[in-house]
Amino acid sequence: MLARAPVTLAPVSERGAAEWALGCLLLDMAGCFLCAIRRFAHLDVCCARILLKYLPINDKPMIDPKRDFIPLTQNYDRLKAYQKSECIYDVTYYFAHRFLGRGDRTVDQMVQAARSGKQNIAEGVEAGATSCETAIKLVNVARASLQELLLDYKDYLRVRNLDLWLPGSDKYEQCRRACMAHNESAFYRKAIAVRTDTAIANIAITLIYQADVLLRGLIERLKCDFVERGGIREEMTRVRLQSRKGRK
């Protein structure tokens, strides 16, 4: 076995000894501080366990779901305005591809206008969950798109010297009553299959007029909702205050 060499300590100055002593003191203080933190953390865990065990916990939400400021869905497909716009799209798709020429740009324009009316209603109603301003703008875009489509149908009848059914005539009144009674697109897809271009154009025009009335009513309702409840920031503030009040 090899003999160990004797350990010799180098001479330490007074300053070095003082620094070494200070370092030891700091290490001891740090150790005590960490021990204190561990004890307090253990105490907090114990207290939390006691509270969870013995205190009653209310698992019901403080916020009334009926007044939640961000509803998950607005059910746009239940709106009569959307249902009418869906009927308008289906009628227009059939009409444009059936009676307009293959290379006619009006085909795409009419179909896109009908689609814009339908899609913007859905998007606007869903956007209304967080922004009344966006909802009103998009619903108004839907109105404008349907007005563009209305002009296309009227132009088709006028340039071809076909009849536009006017209020008071038997055909107009019969068409108006039928369109008022039916909002399902399947009804119109079946009905237009045996109708002339004049009849289909007048049916579409009647549907657009009725949809416009419904969309104007929808815009008024959105305006009233904004006046009553405000925007998303006001809703968030209201729900936050309600939540705080429920905790007291």
C-alpha atoms as a PDB file:
ATOM      1  CA  MET A   1       0.000   0.000   0.000  1.00  0.00           C
ATOM      2  CA  LEU A   2       1.117   3.519  -0.719  1.00  0.00           C
ATOM      3  CA  ALA A   3       1.624   5.755   2.204  1.00  0.00           C
ATOM      4  CA  ARG A   4      -0.491   8.881   2.280  1.00  0.00           C
ATOM      5  CA  ALA A   5       1.330  12.112   2.020  1.00  0.00           C
ATOM      6  CA  PRO A   6       0.891  14.318   5.035  1.00  0.00           C
ATOM      7  CA  VAL A   7      -1.699  17.072   4.525  1.00  0.00           C
ATOM      8  CA  THR A   8      -0.370  20.503   5.061  1.00  0.00           C
ATOM      9  CA  LEU A   9      -2.559  23.573   5.248  1.00  0.00           C
ATOM     10  CA  ALA A  10      -1.395  26.649   3.500  1.00  0.00           C
ATOM     11  CA  PRO A  11      -1.161  29.666   5.693  1.00  0.00           C
ATOM     12  CA  VAL A  12      -4.356  31.708   5.578  1.00  0.00           C
ATOM     13  CA  SER A  13      -4.425  35.427   5.942  1.00  0.00           C
ATOM     14  CA  GLU A  14      -6.800  37.159   8.315  1.00  0.00           C
ATOM     15  CA  ARG A  15      -8.841  38.465   5.379  1.00  0.00           C
ATOM     16  CA  GLY A  16      -9.179  35.000   3.883  1.00  0.00           C
ATOM     17  CA  ALA A  17     -10.276  33.577   7.221  1.00  0.00           C
ATOM     18  CA  ALA A  18     -12.904  36.269   7.560  1.00  0.00           C
ATOM     19  CA  GLU A  19     -14.257  35.596   4.055  1.00  0.00           C
ATOM     20  CA  TRP A  20     -14.361  31.869   4.764  1.00  0.00           C
ATOM     21  CA  ALA A  21     -16.267  32.448   8.023  1.00  0.00           C
ATOM     22  CA  LEU A  22     -18.718  34.774   6.256  1.00  0.00           C
ATOM     23  CA  GLY A  23     -19.332  32.186   3.555  1.00  0.00           C
ATOM     24  CA  CYS A  24     -20.086  29.518   6.141  1.00  0.00           C
ATOM     25  CA  LEU A  25     -22.514  31.866   7.871  1.00  0.00           C
ATOM     26  CA  LEU A  26     -24.330  32.596   4.612  1.00  0.00           C
ATOM     27  CA  LEU A  27     -24.631  28.901   3.826  1.00  0.00           C
ATOM     28  CA  ASP A  28     -26.143  28.237   7.254  1.00  0.00           C
ATOM     29  CA  MET A  29     -28.635  31.068   6.796  1.00  0.00           C
ATOM     30  CA  ALA A  30     -29.609  29.767   3.351  1.00  0.00           C
ATOM     31  CA  GLY A  31     -30.150  26.292   4.778  1.00  0.00           C
ATOM     32  CA  CYS A  32     -32.369  27.655   7.533  1.00  0.00           C
ATOM     33  CA  PHE A  33     -34.353  29.675   4.999  1.00  0.00           C
ATOM     34  CA  LEU A  34     -34.952  26.621   2.801  1.00  0.00           C
ATOM     35  CA  CYS A  35     -36.067  24.581   5.796  1.00  0.00           C
ATOM     36  CA  ALA A  36     -38.531  27.309   6.741  1.00  0.00           C
ATOM     37  CA  ILE A  37     -39.946  27.366   3.211  1.00  0.00           C
ATOM     38  CA  ARG A  38     -40.409  23.580   3.244  1.00  0.00           C
ATOM     39  CA  ARG A  39     -42.246  23.769   6.590  1.00  0.00           C
ATOM     40  CA  PHE A  40     -44.592  26.510   5.412  1.00  0.00           C
ATOM     41  CA  ALA A  41     -45.278  24.653   2.146  1.00  0.00           C
ATOM     42  CA  HIS A  42     -46.096  21.500   4.093  1.00  0.00           C
ATOM     43  CA  LEU A  43     -48.383  23.531   6.334  1.00  0.00           C
ATOM     44  CA  ASP A  44     -50.214  25.014   3.322  1.00  0.00           C
ATOM     45  CA  VAL A  45     -50.739  21.545   1.847  1.00  0.00           C
ATOM     46  CA  CYS A  46     -52.121  20.273   5.147  1.00  0.00           C
ATOM     47  CA  CYS A  47     -54.448  23.244   5.477  1.00  0.00           C
ATOM     48  CA  ALA A  48     -55.690  22.780   1.917  1.00  0.00           C
ATOM     49  CA  ARG A  49     -56.396  19.109   2.561  1.00  0.00           C
ATOM     50  CA  ILE A  50     -58.363  19.970   5.699  1.00  0.00           C
ATOM     51  CA  LEU A  51     -60.423  22.580   3.854  1.00  0.00           C
ATOM     52  CA  LEU A  52     -61.207  20.205   1.002  1.00  0.00           C
ATOM     53  CA  LYS A  53     -62.209  17.499   3.459  1.00  0.00           C
ATOM     54  CA  TYR A  54     -64.459  19.439   5.810  1.00  0.00           C
ATOM     55  CA  LEU A  55     -65.709  22.534   4.010  1.00  0.00           C
ATOM     56  CA  PRO A  56     -68.699  22.226   1.633  1.00  0.00           C
ATOM     57  CA  ILE A  57     -67.775  22.875  -1.976  1.00  0.00           C
ATOM     58  CA  ASN A  58     -70.374  24.363  -4.314  1.00  0.00           C
ATOM     59  CA  ASP A  59     -69.789  22.777  -7.715  1.00  0.00           C
ATOM     60  CA  LYS A  60     -72.490  24.834  -9.420  1.00  0.00           C
ATOM     61  CA  PRO A  61     -71.223  27.580 -11.725  1.00  0.00           C
ATOM     62  CA  MET A  62     -71.569  31.091 -10.374  1.00  0.00           C
ATOM     63  CA  ILE A  63     -72.420  32.344 -13.866  1.00  0.00           C
ATOM     64  CA  ASP A  64     -75.903  31.656 -15.105  1.00  0.00           C
ATOM     65  CA  PRO A  65     -75.530  29.711 -18.372  1.00  0.00           C
ATOM     66  CA  LYS A  66     -78.561  31.544 -19.742  1.00  0.00           C
ATOM     67  CA  ARG A  67     -76.697  34.824 -19.315  1.00  0.00           C
ATOM     68  CA  ASP A  68     -73.245  33.647 -20.289  1.00  0.00           C
ATOM     69  CA  PHE A  69     -71.461  36.378 -22.205  1.00  0.00           C
ATOM     70  CA  ILE A  70     -70.087  34.013 -24.890  1.00  0.00           C
ATOM     71  CA  PRO A  71     -72.699  31.418 -25.887  1.00  0.00           C
ATOM     72  CA  LEU A  72     -71.296  28.389 -27.654  1.00  0.00           C
ATOM     73  CA  THR A  73     -73.676  28.610 -30.587  1.00  0.00           C
ATOM     74  CA  GLN A  74     -76.322  30.987 -31.838  1.00  0.00           C
ATOM     75  CA  ASN A  75     -78.346  28.381 -33.810  1.00  0.00           C
ATOM     76  CA  TYR A  76     -78.424  30.453 -36.989  1.00  0.00           C
ATOM     77  CA  ASP A  77     -80.069  27.598 -38.897  1.00  0.00           C
ATOM     78  CA  ARG A  78     -83.234  28.059 -36.835  1.00  0.00           C
ATOM     79  CA  LEU A  79     -83.704  31.617 -38.066  1.00  0.00           C
ATOM     80  CA  LYS A  80     -86.371  32.088 -40.714  1.00  0.00           C
ATOM     81  CA  ALA A  81     -84.094  34.569 -42.464  1.00  0.00           C
ATOM     82  CA  TYR A  82     -81.410  31.907 -42.870  1.00  0.00           C
ATOM     83  CA  GLN A  83     -83.942  29.290 -43.966  1.00  0.00           C
ATOM     84  CA  LYS A  84     -85.285  31.684 -46.605  1.00  0.00           C
ATOM     85  CA  SER A  85     -81.778  32.422 -47.827  1.00  0.00           C
ATOM     86  CA  GLU A  86     -81.090  28.712 -48.164  1.00  0.00           C
ATOM     87  CA  CYS A  87     -84.202  28.347 -50.316  1.00  0.00           C
ATOM     88  CA  ILE A  88     -83.061  31.313 -52.409  1.00  0.00           C
ATOM     89  CA  TYR A  89     -79.675  29.696 -52.961  1.00  0.00           C
ATOM     90  CA  ASP A  90     -81.151  26.379 -54.069  1.00  0.00           C
ATOM     91  CA  VAL A  91     -83.627  28.064 -56.435  1.00  0.00           C
ATOM     92  CA  THR A  92     -80.892  30.300 -57.861  1.00  0.00           C
ATOM     93  CA  TYR A  93     -78.460  27.446 -58.392  1.00  0.00           C
ATOM     94  CA  TYR A  94     -81.073  25.543 -60.399  1.00  0.00           C
ATOM     95  CA  PHE A  95     -82.263  28.612 -62.304  1.00  0.00           C
ATOM     96  CA  ALA A  96     -78.811  29.877 -63.295  1.00  0.00           C
ATOM     97  CA  HIS A  97     -77.595  26.519 -64.561  1.00  0.00           C
ATOM     98  CA  ARG A  98     -80.897  25.669 -66.240  1.00  0.00           C
ATOM     99  CA  PHE A  99     -81.809  28.875 -68.068  1.00  0.00           C
ATOM    100  CA  LEU A 100     -78.564  30.822 -68.533  1.00  0.00           C
ATOM    101  CA  GLY A 101     -75.865  30.022 -71.051  1.00  0.00           C
ATOM    102  CA  ARG A 102     -72.843  27.946 -70.084  1.00  0.00           C
ATOM    103  CA  GLY A 103     -70.368  30.768 -70.712  1.00  0.00           C
ATOM    104  CA  ASP A 104     -72.554  33.499 -69.219  1.00  0.00           C
ATOM    105  CA  ARG A 105     -70.776  35.267 -66.352  1.00  0.00           C
ATOM    106  CA  THR A 106     -74.157  35.968 -64.787  1.00  0.00           C
ATOM    107  CA  VAL A 107     -74.335  32.327 -63.714  1.00  0.00           C
ATOM    108  CA  ASP A 108     -71.435  32.645 -61.298  1.00  0.00           C
ATOM    109  CA  GLN A 109     -72.503  36.123 -60.205  1.00  0.00           C
ATOM    110  CA  MET A 110     -76.023  35.033 -59.304  1.00  0.00           C
ATOM    111  CA  VAL A 111     -74.885  31.888 -57.520  1.00  0.00           C
ATOM    112  CA  GLN A 112     -72.222  33.787 -55.593  1.00  0.00           C
ATOM    113  CA  ALA A 113     -74.692  36.514 -54.609  1.00  0.00           C
ATOM    114  CA  ALA A 114     -77.127  33.887 -53.316  1.00  0.00           C
ATOM    115  CA  ARG A 115     -74.315  32.129 -51.474  1.00  0.00           C
ATOM    116  CA  SER A 116     -73.105  35.400 -49.948  1.00  0.00           C
ATOM    117  CA  GLY A 117     -76.583  36.094 -48.620  1.00  0.00           C
ATOM    118  CA  LYS A 118     -76.762  32.714 -46.925  1.00  0.00           C
ATOM    119  CA  GLN A 119     -73.202  32.543 -45.615  1.00  0.00           C
ATOM    120  CA  ASN A 120     -73.105  36.065 -44.210  1.00  0.00           C
ATOM    121  CA  ILE A 121     -76.246  35.455 -42.184  1.00  0.00           C
ATOM    122  CA  ALA A 122     -74.634  32.419 -40.565  1.00  0.00           C
ATOM    123  CA  GLU A 123     -71.315  34.154 -40.003  1.00  0.00           C
ATOM    124  CA  GLY A 124     -72.950  37.339 -38.724  1.00  0.00           C
ATOM    125  CA  VAL A 125     -75.182  35.554 -36.228  1.00  0.00           C
ATOM    126  CA  GLU A 126     -72.269  33.507 -34.875  1.00  0.00           C
ATOM    127  CA  ALA A 127     -70.044  36.594 -34.707  1.00  0.00           C
ATOM    128  CA  GLY A 128     -72.767  38.264 -32.641  1.00  0.00           C
ATOM    129  CA  ALA A 129     -71.635  36.165 -29.672  1.00  0.00           C
ATOM    130  CA  THR A 130     -68.698  38.544 -29.213  1.00  0.00           C
ATOM    131  CA  SER A 131     -69.394  41.549 -31.443  1.00  0.00           C
ATOM    132  CA  CYS A 132     -72.739  43.155 -32.214  1.00  0.00           C
ATOM    133  CA  GLU A 133     -70.986  45.509 -34.611  1.00  0.00           C
ATOM    134  CA  THR A 134     -69.615  42.639 -36.693  1.00  0.00           C
ATOM    135  CA  ALA A 135     -72.975  40.870 -36.642  1.00  0.00           C
ATOM    136  CA  ILE A 136     -74.842  43.940 -37.898  1.00  0.00           C
ATOM    137  CA  LYS A 137     -72.287  44.540 -40.649  1.00  0.00           C
ATOM    138  CA  LEU A 138     -72.380  40.954 -41.914  1.00  0.00           C
ATOM    139  CA  VAL A 139     -76.168  40.713 -41.838  1.00  0.00           C
ATOM    140  CA  ASN A 140     -76.312  43.949 -43.801  1.00  0.00           C
ATOM    141  CA  VAL A 141     -73.838  42.464 -46.305  1.00  0.00           C
ATOM    142  CA  ALA A 142     -76.273  39.554 -46.669  1.00  0.00           C
ATOM    143  CA  ARG A 143     -79.056  42.035 -47.438  1.00  0.00           C
ATOM    144  CA  ALA A 144     -76.920  43.793 -50.028  1.00  0.00           C
ATOM    145  CA  SER A 145     -76.027  40.499 -51.721  1.00  0.00           C
ATOM    146  CA  LEU A 146     -79.676  39.502 -51.970  1.00  0.00           C
ATOM    147  CA  GLN A 147     -80.548  42.934 -53.372  1.00  0.00           C
ATOM    148  CA  GLU A 148     -77.939  42.378 -56.076  1.00  0.00           C
ATOM    149  CA  LEU A 149     -79.510  39.021 -56.834  1.00  0.00           C
ATOM    150  CA  LEU A 150     -82.953  40.642 -56.949  1.00  0.00           C
ATOM    151  CA  LEU A 151     -81.773  42.978 -59.707  1.00  0.00           C
ATOM    152  CA  ASP A 152     -80.429  40.033 -61.711  1.00  0.00           C
ATOM    153  CA  TYR A 153     -83.809  38.305 -61.617  1.00  0.00           C
ATOM    154  CA  LYS A 154     -85.638  41.496 -62.591  1.00  0.00           C
ATOM    155  CA  ASP A 155     -83.161  42.123 -65.403  1.00  0.00           C
ATOM    156  CA  TYR A 156     -83.740  38.585 -66.697  1.00  0.00           C
ATOM    157  CA  LEU A 157     -87.495  39.159 -66.889  1.00  0.00           C
ATOM    158  CA  ARG A 158     -87.256  42.661 -68.347  1.00  0.00           C
ATOM    159  CA  VAL A 159     -84.790  42.012 -71.201  1.00  0.00           C
ATOM    160  CA  ARG A 160     -86.758  38.925 -72.273  1.00  0.00           C
ATOM    161  CA  ASN A 161     -90.149  40.660 -72.059  1.00  0.00           C
ATOM    162  CA  LEU A 162     -91.367  38.206 -69.424  1.00  0.00           C
ATOM    163  CA  ASP A 163     -93.981  39.012 -66.801  1.00  0.00           C
ATOM    164  CA  LEU A 164     -93.075  40.320 -63.380  1.00  0.00           C
ATOM    165  CA  TRP A 165     -95.932  39.363 -61.074  1.00  0.00           C
ATOM    166  CA  LEU A 166     -97.183  42.512 -59.371  1.00  0.00           C
ATOM    167  CA  PRO A 167     -98.983  42.841 -56.023  1.00  0.00           C
ATOM    168  CA  GLY A 168    -102.708  42.338 -56.419  1.00  0.00           C
ATOM    169  CA  SER A 169    -102.491  39.802 -59.229  1.00  0.00           C
ATOM    170  CA  ASP A 170    -103.656  36.243 -58.647  1.00  0.00           C
ATOM    171  CA  LYS A 171    -100.263  34.735 -59.442  1.00  0.00           C
ATOM    172  CA  TYR A 172     -98.497  37.134 -57.078  1.00  0.00           C
ATOM    173  CA  GLU A 173    -100.868  36.447 -54.186  1.00  0.00           C
ATOM    174  CA  GLN A 174    -100.688  32.702 -54.694  1.00  0.00           C
ATOM    175  CA  CYS A 175     -96.873  32.818 -54.833  1.00  0.00           C
ATOM    176  CA  ARG A 176     -96.657  35.080 -51.778  1.00  0.00           C
ATOM    177  CA  ARG A 177     -98.829  32.768 -49.662  1.00  0.00           C
ATOM    178  CA  ALA A 178     -96.864  29.692 -50.706  1.00  0.00           C
ATOM    179  CA  CYS A 179     -93.535  31.342 -49.927  1.00  0.00           C
ATOM    180  CA  MET A 180     -94.823  32.549 -46.567  1.00  0.00           C
ATOM    181  CA  ALA A 181     -95.925  29.027 -45.658  1.00  0.00           C
ATOM    182  CA  HIS A 182     -92.738  27.166 -46.650  1.00  0.00           C
ATOM    183  CA  ASN A 183     -89.176  27.742 -45.451  1.00  0.00           C
ATOM    184  CA  GLU A 184     -87.817  24.308 -46.297  1.00  0.00           C
ATOM    185  CA  SER A 185     -85.592  24.170 -49.369  1.00  0.00           C
ATOM    186  CA  ALA A 186     -86.808  20.671 -50.335  1.00  0.00           C
ATOM    187  CA  PHE A 187     -90.256  22.118 -51.103  1.00  0.00           C
ATOM    188  CA  TYR A 188     -88.827  24.549 -53.658  1.00  0.00           C
ATOM    189  CA  ARG A 189     -86.426  22.074 -55.232  1.00  0.00           C
ATOM    190  CA  LYS A 190     -89.402  19.871 -56.011  1.00  0.00           C
ATOM    191  CA  ALA A 191     -91.691  22.721 -57.086  1.00  0.00           C
ATOM    192  CA  ILE A 192     -89.315  24.429 -59.525  1.00  0.00           C
ATOM    193  CA  ALA A 193     -88.586  21.207 -61.415  1.00  0.00           C
ATOM    194  CA  VAL A 194     -91.893  21.610 -63.285  1.00  0.00           C
ATOM    195  CA  ARG A 195     -92.010  25.425 -63.475  1.00  0.00           C
ATOM    196  CA  THR A 196     -91.092  27.802 -66.292  1.00  0.00           C
ATOM    197  CA  ASP A 197     -88.270  30.334 -66.042  1.00  0.00           C
ATOM    198  CA  THR A 198     -90.842  33.110 -65.549  1.00  0.00           C
ATOM    199  CA  ALA A 199     -92.431  31.328 -62.603  1.00  0.00           C
ATOM    200  CA  ILE A 200     -89.099  30.432 -61.008  1.00  0.00           C
ATOM    201  CA  ALA A 201     -87.790  33.989 -61.328  1.00  0.00           C
ATOM    202  CA  ASN A 202     -90.943  35.365 -59.693  1.00  0.00           C
ATOM    203  CA  ILE A 203     -90.707  32.773 -56.917  1.00  0.00           C
ATOM    204  CA  ALA A 204     -87.102  33.830 -56.237  1.00  0.00           C
ATOM    205  CA  ILE A 205     -88.074  37.511 -56.266  1.00  0.00           C
ATOM    206  CA  THR A 206     -90.849  36.861 -53.748  1.00  0.00           C
ATOM    207  CA  LEU A 207     -88.485  34.911 -51.484  1.00  0.00           C
ATOM    208  CA  ILE A 208     -85.909  37.705 -51.624  1.00  0.00           C
ATOM    209  CA  TYR A 209     -88.496  40.313 -50.614  1.00  0.00           C
ATOM    210  CA  GLN A 210     -89.577  38.176 -47.670  1.00  0.00           C
ATOM    211  CA  ALA A 211     -85.987  37.479 -46.650  1.00  0.00           C
ATOM    212  CA  ASP A 212     -85.229  41.209 -46.751  1.00  0.00           C
ATOM    213  CA  VAL A 213     -88.047  41.927 -44.306  1.00  0.00           C
ATOM    214  CA  LEU A 214     -86.720  39.242 -41.955  1.00  0.00           C
ATOM    215  CA  LEU A 215     -83.138  40.535 -42.224  1.00  0.00           C
ATOM    216  CA  ARG A 216     -84.215  44.076 -41.403  1.00  0.00           C
ATOM    217  CA  GLY A 217     -85.971  42.718 -38.339  1.00  0.00           C
ATOM    218  CA  LEU A 218     -82.838  40.783 -37.391  1.00  0.00           C
ATOM    219  CA  ILE A 219     -80.728  43.936 -37.622  1.00  0.00           C
ATOM    220  CA  GLU A 220     -83.179  45.781 -35.382  1.00  0.00           C
ATOM    221  CA  ARG A 221     -83.009  42.964 -32.847  1.00  0.00           C
ATOM    222  CA  LEU A 222     -79.204  43.078 -32.865  1.00  0.00           C
ATOM    223  CA  LYS A 223     -79.349  46.821 -32.297  1.00  0.00           C
ATOM    224  CA  CYS A 224     -81.701  46.350 -29.345  1.00  0.00           C
ATOM    225  CA  ASP A 225     -79.438  43.655 -27.877  1.00  0.00           C
ATOM    226  CA  PHE A 226     -76.499  46.027 -28.061  1.00  0.00           C
ATOM    227  CA  VAL A 227     -78.446  48.828 -26.365  1.00  0.00           C
ATOM    228  CA  GLU A 228     -79.633  46.450 -23.617  1.00  0.00           C
ATOM    229  CA  ARG A 229     -76.463  44.476 -22.934  1.00  0.00           C
ATOM    230  CA  GLY A 230     -73.672  46.464 -24.547  1.00  0.00           C
ATOM    231  CA  GLY A 231     -70.580  45.022 -26.195  1.00  0.00           C
ATOM    232  CA  ILE A 232     -68.321  42.158 -25.200  1.00  0.00           C
ATOM    233  CA  ARG A 233     -66.255  44.287 -22.798  1.00  0.00           C
ATOM    234  CA  GLU A 234     -69.343  45.341 -20.888  1.00  0.00           C
ATOM    235  CA  GLU A 235     -70.547  41.744 -20.803  1.00  0.00           C
ATOM    236  CA  MET A 236     -67.203  40.546 -19.455  1.00  0.00           C
ATOM    237  CA  THR A 237     -67.264  43.241 -16.769  1.00  0.00           C
ATOM    238  CA  ARG A 238     -70.810  42.291 -15.777  1.00  0.00           C
ATOM    239  CA  VAL A 239     -69.979  38.600 -15.489  1.00  0.00           C
ATOM    240  CA  ARG A 240     -66.781  39.361 -13.553  1.00  0.00           C
ATOM    241  CA  LEU A 241     -68.668  41.500 -11.032  1.00  0.00           C
ATOM    242  CA  GLN A 242     -71.321  38.816 -10.737  1.00  0.00           C
ATOM    243  CA  SER A 243     -68.631  36.227 -10.066  1.00  0.00           C
ATOM    244  CA  ARG A 244     -67.038  38.359  -7.352  1.00  0.00           C
ATOM    245  CA  LYS A 245     -70.389  39.008  -5.742  1.00  0.00           C
ATOM    246  CA  GLY A 246     -71.076  35.278  -5.646  1.00  0.00           C
ATOM    247  CA  ARG A 247     -67.867  34.594  -3.744  1.00  0.00           C
ATOM    248  CA  LYS A 248     -68.719  36.933  -0.893  1.00  0.00           C
END
